[in-house]
Amino acid sequence: MNEYHWLPSQWAELSMYEKALVIAGIDIRVKEEKRQQKEAERRAKSKGRHH
């Protein structure tokens, strides 16, 4: 809610379907951020091996 600047009352007014869409979107973003973090860590490790 904070990221979207929604008040608790605005969140409460969303339908179950709308809440599910928001939560699914957050889940997808978190999964992608974790993937990017692992990729960055992998690249950092491989850079250290070549020099």
PDB file of N, CA and C in Angstrom:
ATOM      1  N   MET A   1       0.820  -1.185   0.000  1.00  0.00           N
ATOM      2  CA  MET A   1       0.000   0.000   0.000  1.00  0.00           C
ATOM      3  C   MET A   1       0.869   1.255   0.000  1.00  0.00           C
ATOM      4  N   ASN A   2       1.964   1.216   0.731  1.00  0.00           N
ATOM      5  CA  ASN A   2       2.819   2.396   0.812  1.00  0.00           C
ATOM      6  C   ASN A   2       3.384   2.782  -0.543  1.00  0.00           C
ATOM      7  N   GLU A   3       3.817   1.800  -1.297  1.00  0.00           N
ATOM      8  CA  GLU A   3       4.417   2.079  -2.603  1.00  0.00           C
ATOM      9  C   GLU A   3       3.430   2.755  -3.552  1.00  0.00           C
ATOM     10  N   TYR A   4       2.183   2.388  -3.424  1.00  0.00           N
ATOM     11  CA  TYR A   4       1.159   2.954  -4.302  1.00  0.00           C
ATOM     12  C   TYR A   4       0.477   4.173  -3.682  1.00  0.00           C
ATOM     13  N   HIS A   5       0.874   4.510  -2.466  1.00  0.00           N
ATOM     14  CA  HIS A   5       0.310   5.649  -1.741  1.00  0.00           C
ATOM     15  C   HIS A   5      -1.195   5.489  -1.541  1.00  0.00           C
ATOM     16  N   TRP A   6      -1.589   4.248  -1.246  1.00  0.00           N
ATOM     17  CA  TRP A   6      -2.986   3.974  -0.985  1.00  0.00           C
ATOM     18  C   TRP A   6      -3.246   4.023   0.509  1.00  0.00           C
ATOM     19  N   LEU A   7      -4.388   4.541   0.858  1.00  0.00           N
ATOM     20  CA  LEU A   7      -4.837   4.500   2.240  1.00  0.00           C
ATOM     21  C   LEU A   7      -5.439   3.121   2.502  1.00  0.00           C
ATOM     22  N   PRO A   8      -5.429   2.688   3.743  1.00  0.00           N
ATOM     23  CA  PRO A   8      -6.046   1.385   4.050  1.00  0.00           C
ATOM     24  C   PRO A   8      -7.494   1.306   3.567  1.00  0.00           C
ATOM     25  N   SER A   9      -8.206   2.413   3.640  1.00  0.00           N
ATOM     26  CA  SER A   9      -9.604   2.398   3.194  1.00  0.00           C
ATOM     27  C   SER A   9      -9.698   2.166   1.683  1.00  0.00           C
ATOM     28  N   GLN A  10      -8.718   2.684   0.927  1.00  0.00           N
ATOM     29  CA  GLN A  10      -8.726   2.461  -0.525  1.00  0.00           C
ATOM     30  C   GLN A  10      -8.460   0.988  -0.835  1.00  0.00           C
ATOM     31  N   TRP A  11      -7.522   0.386  -0.095  1.00  0.00           N
ATOM     32  CA  TRP A  11      -7.232  -1.037  -0.284  1.00  0.00           C
ATOM     33  C   TRP A  11      -8.467  -1.864   0.051  1.00  0.00           C
ATOM     34  N   ALA A  12      -9.140  -1.504   1.132  1.00  0.00           N
ATOM     35  CA  ALA A  12     -10.319  -2.243   1.569  1.00  0.00           C
ATOM     36  C   ALA A  12     -11.441  -2.169   0.537  1.00  0.00           C
ATOM     37  N   GLU A  13     -11.489  -1.065  -0.214  1.00  0.00           N
ATOM     38  CA  GLU A  13     -12.553  -0.898  -1.209  1.00  0.00           C
ATOM     39  C   GLU A  13     -12.320  -1.721  -2.481  1.00  0.00           C
ATOM     40  N   LEU A  14     -11.107  -2.198  -2.685  1.00  0.00           N
ATOM     41  CA  LEU A  14     -10.834  -3.003  -3.877  1.00  0.00           C
ATOM     42  C   LEU A  14     -11.563  -4.333  -3.785  1.00  0.00           C
ATOM     43  N   SER A  15     -11.964  -4.835  -4.937  1.00  0.00           N
ATOM     44  CA  SER A  15     -12.602  -6.150  -4.962  1.00  0.00           C
ATOM     45  C   SER A  15     -11.532  -7.218  -4.717  1.00  0.00           C
ATOM     46  N   MET A  16     -11.974  -8.409  -4.437  1.00  0.00           N
ATOM     47  CA  MET A  16     -11.054  -9.519  -4.215  1.00  0.00           C
ATOM     48  C   MET A  16     -10.192  -9.744  -5.468  1.00  0.00           C
ATOM     49  N   TYR A  17     -10.800  -9.605  -6.635  1.00  0.00           N
ATOM     50  CA  TYR A  17     -10.086  -9.769  -7.901  1.00  0.00           C
ATOM     51  C   TYR A  17      -8.998  -8.704  -8.057  1.00  0.00           C
ATOM     52  N   GLU A  18      -9.342  -7.462  -7.735  1.00  0.00           N
ATOM     53  CA  GLU A  18      -8.365  -6.373  -7.855  1.00  0.00           C
ATOM     54  C   GLU A  18      -7.201  -6.564  -6.883  1.00  0.00           C
ATOM     55  N   LYS A  19      -7.503  -6.994  -5.675  1.00  0.00           N
ATOM     56  CA  LYS A  19      -6.445  -7.265  -4.693  1.00  0.00           C
ATOM     57  C   LYS A  19      -5.542  -8.392  -5.187  1.00  0.00           C
ATOM     58  N   ALA A  20      -6.152  -9.427  -5.767  1.00  0.00           N
ATOM     59  CA  ALA A  20      -5.376 -10.550  -6.281  1.00  0.00           C
ATOM     60  C   ALA A  20      -4.438 -10.085  -7.396  1.00  0.00           C
ATOM     61  N   LEU A  21      -4.906  -9.198  -8.260  1.00  0.00           N
ATOM     62  CA  LEU A  21      -4.050  -8.675  -9.328  1.00  0.00           C
ATOM     63  C   LEU A  21      -2.866  -7.889  -8.773  1.00  0.00           C
ATOM     64  N   VAL A  22      -3.125  -7.072  -7.775  1.00  0.00           N
ATOM     65  CA  VAL A  22      -2.053  -6.284  -7.160  1.00  0.00           C
ATOM     66  C   VAL A  22      -1.026  -7.220  -6.519  1.00  0.00           C
ATOM     67  N   ILE A  23      -1.495  -8.190  -5.768  1.00  0.00           N
ATOM     68  CA  ILE A  23      -0.597  -9.124  -5.083  1.00  0.00           C
ATOM     69  C   ILE A  23       0.194  -9.946  -6.089  1.00  0.00           C
ATOM     70  N   ALA A  24      -0.450 -10.395  -7.158  1.00  0.00           N
ATOM     71  CA  ALA A  24       0.255 -11.155  -8.194  1.00  0.00           C
ATOM     72  C   ALA A  24       1.337 -10.301  -8.850  1.00  0.00           C
ATOM     73  N   GLY A  25       1.022  -9.044  -9.097  1.00  0.00           N
ATOM     74  CA  GLY A  25       2.009  -8.141  -9.682  1.00  0.00           C
ATOM     75  C   GLY A  25       3.208  -7.950  -8.776  1.00  0.00           C
ATOM     76  N   ILE A  26       2.957  -7.833  -7.481  1.00  0.00           N
ATOM     77  CA  ILE A  26       4.045  -7.693  -6.516  1.00  0.00           C
ATOM     78  C   ILE A  26       4.884  -8.961  -6.493  1.00  0.00           C
ATOM     79  N   ASP A  27       4.222 -10.124  -6.505  1.00  0.00           N
ATOM     80  CA  ASP A  27       4.944 -11.394  -6.504  1.00  0.00           C
ATOM     81  C   ASP A  27       5.850 -11.517  -7.725  1.00  0.00           C
ATOM     82  N   ILE A  28       5.335 -11.118  -8.880  1.00  0.00           N
ATOM     83  CA  ILE A  28       6.129 -11.180 -10.110  1.00  0.00           C
ATOM     84  C   ILE A  28       7.336 -10.249 -10.007  1.00  0.00           C
ATOM     85  N   ARG A  29       7.120  -9.049  -9.504  1.00  0.00           N
ATOM     86  CA  ARG A  29       8.217  -8.091  -9.387  1.00  0.00           C
ATOM     87  C   ARG A  29       9.291  -8.585  -8.420  1.00  0.00           C
ATOM     88  N   VAL A  30       8.871  -9.146  -7.279  1.00  0.00           N
ATOM     89  CA  VAL A  30       9.824  -9.666  -6.295  1.00  0.00           C
ATOM     90  C   VAL A  30      10.633 -10.814  -6.905  1.00  0.00           C
ATOM     91  N   LYS A  31       9.964 -11.697  -7.627  1.00  0.00           N
ATOM     92  CA  LYS A  31      10.652 -12.818  -8.264  1.00  0.00           C
ATOM     93  C   LYS A  31      11.689 -12.312  -9.268  1.00  0.00           C
ATOM     94  N   GLU A  32      11.332 -11.308 -10.048  1.00  0.00           N
ATOM     95  CA  GLU A  32      12.244 -10.735 -11.035  1.00  0.00           C
ATOM     96  C   GLU A  32      13.421 -10.030 -10.344  1.00  0.00           C
ATOM     97  N   GLU A  33      13.151  -9.331  -9.258  1.00  0.00           N
ATOM     98  CA  GLU A  33      14.232  -8.664  -8.528  1.00  0.00           C
ATOM     99  C   GLU A  33      15.212  -9.683  -7.962  1.00  0.00           C
ATOM    100  N   LYS A  34      14.706 -10.796  -7.447  1.00  0.00           N
ATOM    101  CA  LYS A  34      15.575 -11.852  -6.929  1.00  0.00           C
ATOM    102  C   LYS A  34      16.408 -12.454  -8.057  1.00  0.00           C
ATOM    103  N   ARG A  35      15.789 -12.653  -9.229  1.00  0.00           N
ATOM    104  CA  ARG A  35      16.522 -13.201 -10.366  1.00  0.00           C
ATOM    105  C   ARG A  35      17.649 -12.251 -10.781  1.00  0.00           C
ATOM    106  N   GLN A  36      17.345 -10.968 -10.825  1.00  0.00           N
ATOM    107  CA  GLN A  36      18.349  -9.981 -11.200  1.00  0.00           C
ATOM    108  C   GLN A  36      19.481  -9.922 -10.178  1.00  0.00           C
ATOM    109  N   GLN A  37      19.145 -10.057  -8.902  1.00  0.00           N
ATOM    110  CA  GLN A  37      20.161 -10.045  -7.854  1.00  0.00           C
ATOM    111  C   GLN A  37      21.094 -11.247  -8.001  1.00  0.00           C
ATOM    112  N   LYS A  38      20.523 -12.422  -8.246  1.00  0.00           N
ATOM    113  CA  LYS A  38      21.350 -13.618  -8.435  1.00  0.00           C
ATOM    114  C   LYS A  38      22.252 -13.465  -9.653  1.00  0.00           C
ATOM    115  N   GLU A  39      21.712 -12.892 -10.714  1.00  0.00           N
ATOM    116  CA  GLU A  39      22.494 -12.669 -11.929  1.00  0.00           C
ATOM    117  C   GLU A  39      23.650 -11.706 -11.649  1.00  0.00           C
ATOM    118  N   ALA A  40      23.379 -10.640 -10.909  1.00  0.00           N
ATOM    119  CA  ALA A  40      24.426  -9.675 -10.568  1.00  0.00           C
ATOM    120  C   ALA A  40      25.497 -10.333  -9.709  1.00  0.00           C
ATOM    121  N   GLU A  41      25.093 -11.170  -8.767  1.00  0.00           N
ATOM    122  CA  GLU A  41      26.060 -11.875  -7.925  1.00  0.00           C
ATOM    123  C   GLU A  41      26.890 -12.839  -8.762  1.00  0.00           C
ATOM    124  N   ARG A  42      26.254 -13.524  -9.695  1.00  0.00           N
ATOM    125  CA  ARG A  42      26.972 -14.458 -10.557  1.00  0.00           C
ATOM    126  C   ARG A  42      28.006 -13.715 -11.400  1.00  0.00           C
ATOM    127  N   ARG A  43      27.606 -12.576 -11.943  1.00  0.00           N
ATOM    128  CA  ARG A  43      28.534 -11.778 -12.752  1.00  0.00           C
ATOM    129  C   ARG A  43      29.702 -11.269 -11.923  1.00  0.00           C
ATOM    130  N   ALA A  44      29.416 -10.844 -10.694  1.00  0.00           N
ATOM    131  CA  ALA A  44      30.475 -10.335  -9.824  1.00  0.00           C
ATOM    132  C   ALA A  44      31.472 -11.445  -9.501  1.00  0.00           C
ATOM    133  N   LYS A  45      30.979 -12.653  -9.264  1.00  0.00           N
ATOM    134  CA  LYS A  45      31.873 -13.779  -8.968  1.00  0.00           C
ATOM    135  C   LYS A  45      32.716 -14.137 -10.192  1.00  0.00           C
ATOM    136  N   SER A  46      32.093 -14.137 -11.366  1.00  0.00           N
ATOM    137  CA  SER A  46      32.845 -14.511 -12.565  1.00  0.00           C
ATOM    138  C   SER A  46      33.875 -13.454 -12.923  1.00  0.00           C
ATOM    139  N   LYS A  47      33.624 -12.198 -12.634  1.00  0.00           N
ATOM    140  CA  LYS A  47      34.606 -11.141 -12.871  1.00  0.00           C
ATOM    141  C   LYS A  47      35.831 -11.346 -11.998  1.00  0.00           C
ATOM    142  N   GLY A  48      35.612 -11.722 -10.767  1.00  0.00           N
ATOM    143  CA  GLY A  48      36.715 -11.939  -9.815  1.00  0.00           C
ATOM    144  C   GLY A  48      37.625 -13.080 -10.230  1.00  0.00           C
ATOM    145  N   ARG A  49      37.117 -14.054 -10.926  1.00  0.00           N
ATOM    146  CA  ARG A  49      37.911 -15.217 -11.342  1.00  0.00           C
ATOM    147  C   ARG A  49      38.828 -14.899 -12.520  1.00  0.00           C
ATOM    148  N   HIS A  50      38.441 -13.966 -13.364  1.00  0.00           N
ATOM    149  CA  HIS A  50      39.219 -13.697 -14.583  1.00  0.00           C
ATOM    150  C   HIS A  50      40.364 -12.735 -14.356  1.00  0.00           C
ATOM    151  N   HIS A  51      40.357 -11.976 -13.285  1.00  0.00           N
ATOM    152  CA  HIS A  51      41.417 -10.965 -13.079  1.00  0.00           C
ATOM    153  C   HIS A  51      42.302 -11.336 -11.971  1.00  0.00           C
TER     154      HIS A  51
END
